[in-house]
């Protein structure tokens, strides 16, 4: 017997969706679900916005997102090809 405890959210439609992995495969099982609403203080804590971090472990902020977008636009301009270069590449590809 395996006991799994998890927290989930019931949406406005009243449907509880549970997805979890288990080591059991291709077998008949009995599942018992106990639904217990959380106290208000735990619900408020769960709804608090959790900080997000990027791949380098730095906190994601509006400023960091804005500077990332600016840098991507700069890179796009740096690597952009002019139309004559694109045409010559197309012609070069047709030769093969």
N, C-alpha and C. Protein backbone atom coordinates (compact mmCIF):
# COMPACT_ATOMS: atom_id res chain seq x y z
N UNK A 1 0.85 -1.18 0.00
CA UNK A 1 0.00 0.00 0.00
C UNK A 1 0.90 1.24 0.00
N UNK A 2 0.52 2.21 -0.79
CA UNK A 2 1.28 3.45 -0.92
C UNK A 2 0.37 4.61 -0.53
N UNK A 3 0.85 5.50 0.33
CA UNK A 3 0.08 6.67 0.73
C UNK A 3 0.70 7.89 0.08
N UNK A 4 -0.12 8.65 -0.61
CA UNK A 4 0.34 9.86 -1.29
C UNK A 4 -0.48 11.02 -0.74
N UNK A 5 0.21 12.04 -0.24
CA UNK A 5 -0.48 13.23 0.25
C UNK A 5 -0.09 14.39 -0.65
N UNK A 6 -1.07 15.11 -1.16
CA UNK A 6 -0.78 16.24 -2.02
C UNK A 6 -1.81 17.32 -1.82
N UNK A 7 -1.49 18.51 -2.30
CA UNK A 7 -2.44 19.62 -2.27
C UNK A 7 -2.82 19.93 -3.70
N UNK A 8 -4.07 20.28 -3.89
CA UNK A 8 -4.55 20.61 -5.22
C UNK A 8 -5.54 21.75 -5.11
N UNK A 9 -6.02 22.20 -6.23
CA UNK A 9 -6.99 23.30 -6.27
C UNK A 9 -8.21 22.86 -7.05
N UNK A 10 -9.37 23.08 -6.48
CA UNK A 10 -10.61 22.79 -7.18
C UNK A 10 -11.01 24.07 -7.90
N UNK A 11 -11.16 24.01 -9.20
CA UNK A 11 -11.48 25.17 -10.00
C UNK A 11 -12.91 25.63 -9.82
N UNK A 12 -13.25 26.73 -10.49
CA UNK A 12 -14.59 27.30 -10.41
C UNK A 12 -15.65 26.34 -10.93
N UNK A 13 -15.23 25.38 -11.77
CA UNK A 13 -16.18 24.41 -12.31
C UNK A 13 -16.47 23.28 -11.32
N UNK A 14 -15.78 23.27 -10.17
CA UNK A 14 -16.02 22.25 -9.16
C UNK A 14 -15.34 20.92 -9.44
N UNK A 15 -14.44 20.89 -10.41
CA UNK A 15 -13.78 19.64 -10.78
C UNK A 15 -12.39 19.59 -10.14
N UNK A 16 -12.11 18.49 -9.45
CA UNK A 16 -10.80 18.25 -8.88
C UNK A 16 -10.04 17.32 -9.81
N UNK A 17 -8.88 17.78 -10.29
CA UNK A 17 -8.07 16.94 -11.17
C UNK A 17 -6.80 16.54 -10.42
N UNK A 18 -6.55 15.25 -10.38
CA UNK A 18 -5.38 14.74 -9.69
C UNK A 18 -4.55 13.94 -10.69
N UNK A 19 -3.27 14.30 -10.79
CA UNK A 19 -2.34 13.55 -11.62
C UNK A 19 -1.10 13.30 -10.79
N UNK A 20 -0.74 12.06 -10.65
CA UNK A 20 0.46 11.70 -9.90
C UNK A 20 1.05 10.43 -10.46
N UNK A 21 2.33 10.27 -10.31
CA UNK A 21 2.96 9.05 -10.82
C UNK A 21 3.08 8.03 -9.69
N UNK A 22 3.14 6.78 -10.06
CA UNK A 22 3.30 5.69 -9.10
C UNK A 22 4.13 4.60 -9.72
N UNK A 23 4.69 3.77 -8.90
CA UNK A 23 5.50 2.67 -9.42
C UNK A 23 4.63 1.52 -9.92
N UNK A 24 3.37 1.50 -9.54
CA UNK A 24 2.47 0.44 -9.97
C UNK A 24 2.11 0.63 -11.44
N UNK A 25 2.08 -0.48 -12.17
CA UNK A 25 1.73 -0.42 -13.59
C UNK A 25 0.85 -1.60 -13.94
N UNK A 26 -0.10 -1.34 -14.81
CA UNK A 26 -0.96 -2.39 -15.35
C UNK A 26 -1.53 -3.28 -14.26
N UNK A 27 -2.14 -2.65 -13.25
CA UNK A 27 -2.74 -3.40 -12.15
C UNK A 27 -3.98 -2.70 -11.64
N UNK A 28 -4.86 -3.45 -11.06
CA UNK A 28 -6.10 -2.92 -10.49
C UNK A 28 -5.79 -2.37 -9.10
N UNK A 29 -6.24 -1.15 -8.81
CA UNK A 29 -5.98 -0.54 -7.52
C UNK A 29 -7.27 0.05 -6.96
N UNK A 30 -7.27 0.26 -5.66
CA UNK A 30 -8.37 0.95 -4.99
C UNK A 30 -7.82 2.29 -4.52
N UNK A 31 -8.52 3.37 -4.82
CA UNK A 31 -8.06 4.71 -4.47
C UNK A 31 -9.08 5.34 -3.53
N UNK A 32 -8.59 5.89 -2.42
CA UNK A 32 -9.44 6.59 -1.46
C UNK A 32 -9.05 8.05 -1.49
N UNK A 33 -10.00 8.93 -1.70
CA UNK A 33 -9.74 10.37 -1.76
C UNK A 33 -10.49 11.04 -0.62
N UNK A 34 -9.78 11.80 0.18
CA UNK A 34 -10.39 12.57 1.26
C UNK A 34 -10.20 14.03 0.91
N UNK A 35 -11.29 14.76 0.75
CA UNK A 35 -11.22 16.18 0.41
C UNK A 35 -11.48 16.97 1.68
N UNK A 36 -10.50 17.78 2.06
CA UNK A 36 -10.62 18.58 3.27
C UNK A 36 -10.20 20.01 2.94
N UNK A 37 -11.12 20.97 3.06
CA UNK A 37 -10.74 22.36 2.77
C UNK A 37 -9.66 22.84 3.75
N UNK A 38 -8.74 23.67 3.27
CA UNK A 38 -7.68 24.21 4.10
C UNK A 38 -8.21 25.39 4.91
N UNK A 39 -7.66 25.61 6.09
CA UNK A 39 -8.03 26.81 6.85
C UNK A 39 -7.67 28.08 6.07
N UNK A 40 -8.37 29.18 6.34
CA UNK A 40 -8.18 30.43 5.60
C UNK A 40 -6.73 30.91 5.63
N UNK A 41 -6.03 30.77 6.76
CA UNK A 41 -4.66 31.27 6.82
C UNK A 41 -3.74 30.48 5.90
N UNK A 42 -3.97 29.19 5.72
CA UNK A 42 -3.16 28.40 4.79
C UNK A 42 -3.50 28.72 3.35
N UNK A 43 -4.78 29.01 3.07
CA UNK A 43 -5.20 29.39 1.72
C UNK A 43 -4.54 30.70 1.34
N UNK A 44 -4.53 31.67 2.25
CA UNK A 44 -3.91 32.97 1.97
C UNK A 44 -2.42 32.79 1.70
N UNK A 45 -1.76 31.93 2.47
CA UNK A 45 -0.33 31.69 2.28
C UNK A 45 -0.07 31.04 0.93
N UNK A 46 -0.95 30.12 0.52
CA UNK A 46 -0.77 29.44 -0.77
C UNK A 46 -0.99 30.40 -1.94
N UNK A 47 -1.83 31.42 -1.74
CA UNK A 47 -2.13 32.36 -2.81
C UNK A 47 -1.09 33.46 -2.94
N UNK A 48 -0.17 33.60 -1.97
CA UNK A 48 0.87 34.61 -2.05
C UNK A 48 1.72 34.36 -3.30
N UNK A 49 2.12 35.43 -3.91
CA UNK A 49 2.94 35.31 -5.12
C UNK A 49 4.34 34.84 -4.71
N UNK A 50 4.74 33.72 -5.25
CA UNK A 50 6.06 33.18 -4.98
C UNK A 50 7.06 33.81 -5.94
N UNK A 51 8.24 34.18 -5.45
CA UNK A 51 9.23 34.76 -6.37
C UNK A 51 9.66 33.74 -7.41
N UNK A 52 9.93 34.23 -8.61
CA UNK A 52 10.39 33.37 -9.70
C UNK A 52 11.86 33.64 -9.94
N UNK A 53 12.57 32.60 -10.36
CA UNK A 53 14.00 32.72 -10.61
C UNK A 53 14.31 32.25 -12.02
N UNK A 54 15.31 32.87 -12.64
CA UNK A 54 15.69 32.47 -13.99
C UNK A 54 16.63 31.27 -13.93
N UNK A 55 17.13 30.86 -15.07
CA UNK A 55 17.98 29.67 -15.15
C UNK A 55 19.29 29.83 -14.39
N UNK A 56 19.69 31.07 -14.12
CA UNK A 56 20.94 31.31 -13.41
C UNK A 56 20.71 31.55 -11.92
N UNK A 57 19.48 31.36 -11.46
CA UNK A 57 19.18 31.50 -10.04
C UNK A 57 18.96 32.92 -9.58
N UNK A 58 18.84 33.84 -10.53
CA UNK A 58 18.59 35.23 -10.17
C UNK A 58 17.09 35.50 -10.18
N UNK A 59 16.65 36.37 -9.27
CA UNK A 59 15.24 36.68 -9.15
C UNK A 59 14.73 37.39 -10.41
N UNK A 60 13.56 37.00 -10.90
CA UNK A 60 12.95 37.60 -12.08
C UNK A 60 12.12 38.80 -11.63
N UNK A 61 12.40 39.96 -12.21
CA UNK A 61 11.66 41.18 -11.90
C UNK A 61 11.23 41.83 -13.22
N UNK A 62 10.37 42.85 -13.10
CA UNK A 62 9.97 43.58 -14.31
C UNK A 62 11.18 44.20 -14.99
N UNK A 63 12.11 44.70 -14.18
CA UNK A 63 13.31 45.32 -14.74
C UNK A 63 14.16 44.29 -15.48
N UNK A 64 14.32 43.09 -14.89
CA UNK A 64 15.15 42.07 -15.54
C UNK A 64 14.50 41.57 -16.83
N UNK A 65 13.18 41.47 -16.83
CA UNK A 65 12.47 41.05 -18.04
C UNK A 65 12.62 42.11 -19.12
N UNK A 66 12.45 43.38 -18.73
CA UNK A 66 12.60 44.48 -19.68
C UNK A 66 13.98 44.52 -20.29
N UNK A 67 15.01 44.35 -19.47
CA UNK A 67 16.37 44.39 -20.01
C UNK A 67 16.64 43.17 -20.89
N UNK A 68 16.04 42.03 -20.59
CA UNK A 68 16.21 40.86 -21.46
C UNK A 68 15.57 41.09 -22.82
N UNK A 69 14.40 41.73 -22.83
CA UNK A 69 13.73 42.03 -24.10
C UNK A 69 14.55 43.01 -24.92
N UNK A 70 15.08 44.04 -24.27
CA UNK A 70 15.92 45.02 -24.97
C UNK A 70 17.14 44.33 -25.57
N UNK A 71 17.78 43.45 -24.81
CA UNK A 71 18.97 42.74 -25.29
C UNK A 71 18.62 41.85 -26.49
N UNK A 72 17.47 41.18 -26.44
CA UNK A 72 17.06 40.33 -27.58
C UNK A 72 16.85 41.18 -28.83
N UNK A 73 16.26 42.37 -28.66
CA UNK A 73 16.07 43.25 -29.81
C UNK A 73 17.41 43.72 -30.37
N UNK A 74 18.37 44.00 -29.48
CA UNK A 74 19.70 44.39 -29.94
C UNK A 74 20.37 43.26 -30.71
N UNK A 75 20.25 42.04 -30.20
CA UNK A 75 20.84 40.89 -30.88
C UNK A 75 20.20 40.67 -32.25
N UNK A 76 18.90 40.88 -32.33
CA UNK A 76 18.21 40.71 -33.61
C UNK A 76 18.77 41.69 -34.63
N UNK A 77 19.02 42.93 -34.21
CA UNK A 77 19.58 43.92 -35.13
C UNK A 77 21.02 43.57 -35.51
N UNK A 78 21.78 43.02 -34.56
CA UNK A 78 23.18 42.69 -34.82
C UNK A 78 23.32 41.55 -35.83
N UNK A 79 22.43 40.58 -35.78
CA UNK A 79 22.56 39.41 -36.66
C UNK A 79 21.65 39.48 -37.88
N UNK A 80 20.91 40.57 -38.01
CA UNK A 80 19.99 40.69 -39.14
C UNK A 80 20.75 40.74 -40.45
N UNK A 81 20.17 40.11 -41.46
CA UNK A 81 20.76 40.10 -42.79
C UNK A 81 20.00 41.07 -43.68
N UNK A 82 20.72 41.75 -44.55
CA UNK A 82 20.02 42.62 -45.49
C UNK A 82 19.43 41.78 -46.62
N UNK A 83 18.52 42.38 -47.36
CA UNK A 83 17.80 41.63 -48.39
C UNK A 83 18.71 41.10 -49.49
N UNK A 84 19.75 41.84 -49.83
CA UNK A 84 20.64 41.36 -50.89
C UNK A 84 21.39 40.11 -50.44
N UNK A 85 21.75 40.05 -49.16
CA UNK A 85 22.43 38.86 -48.65
C UNK A 85 21.50 37.66 -48.69
N UNK A 86 20.24 37.87 -48.34
CA UNK A 86 19.27 36.78 -48.36
C UNK A 86 19.08 36.29 -49.79
N UNK A 87 18.95 37.21 -50.73
CA UNK A 87 18.78 36.82 -52.14
C UNK A 87 19.96 36.02 -52.64
N UNK A 88 21.17 36.47 -52.29
CA UNK A 88 22.35 35.74 -52.77
C UNK A 88 22.42 34.35 -52.14
N UNK A 89 21.99 34.21 -50.90
CA UNK A 89 21.97 32.88 -50.27
C UNK A 89 20.97 31.96 -50.95
N UNK A 90 19.83 32.53 -51.33
CA UNK A 90 18.81 31.73 -52.02
C UNK A 90 19.36 31.26 -53.36
N UNK A 91 19.98 32.16 -54.10
CA UNK A 91 20.57 31.79 -55.39
C UNK A 91 21.66 30.75 -55.22
N UNK A 92 22.48 30.91 -54.19
CA UNK A 92 23.54 29.93 -53.92
C UNK A 92 22.94 28.57 -53.63
N UNK A 93 21.84 28.52 -52.89
CA UNK A 93 21.19 27.25 -52.57
C UNK A 93 20.58 26.59 -53.79
N UNK A 94 20.11 27.38 -54.74
CA UNK A 94 19.51 26.82 -55.96
C UNK A 94 20.54 26.13 -56.84
N UNK A 95 21.78 26.53 -56.72
CA UNK A 95 22.83 25.93 -57.54
C UNK A 95 23.11 24.48 -57.17
N UNK A 96 22.74 24.11 -55.98
CA UNK A 96 23.05 22.73 -55.54
C UNK A 96 21.92 21.82 -55.82
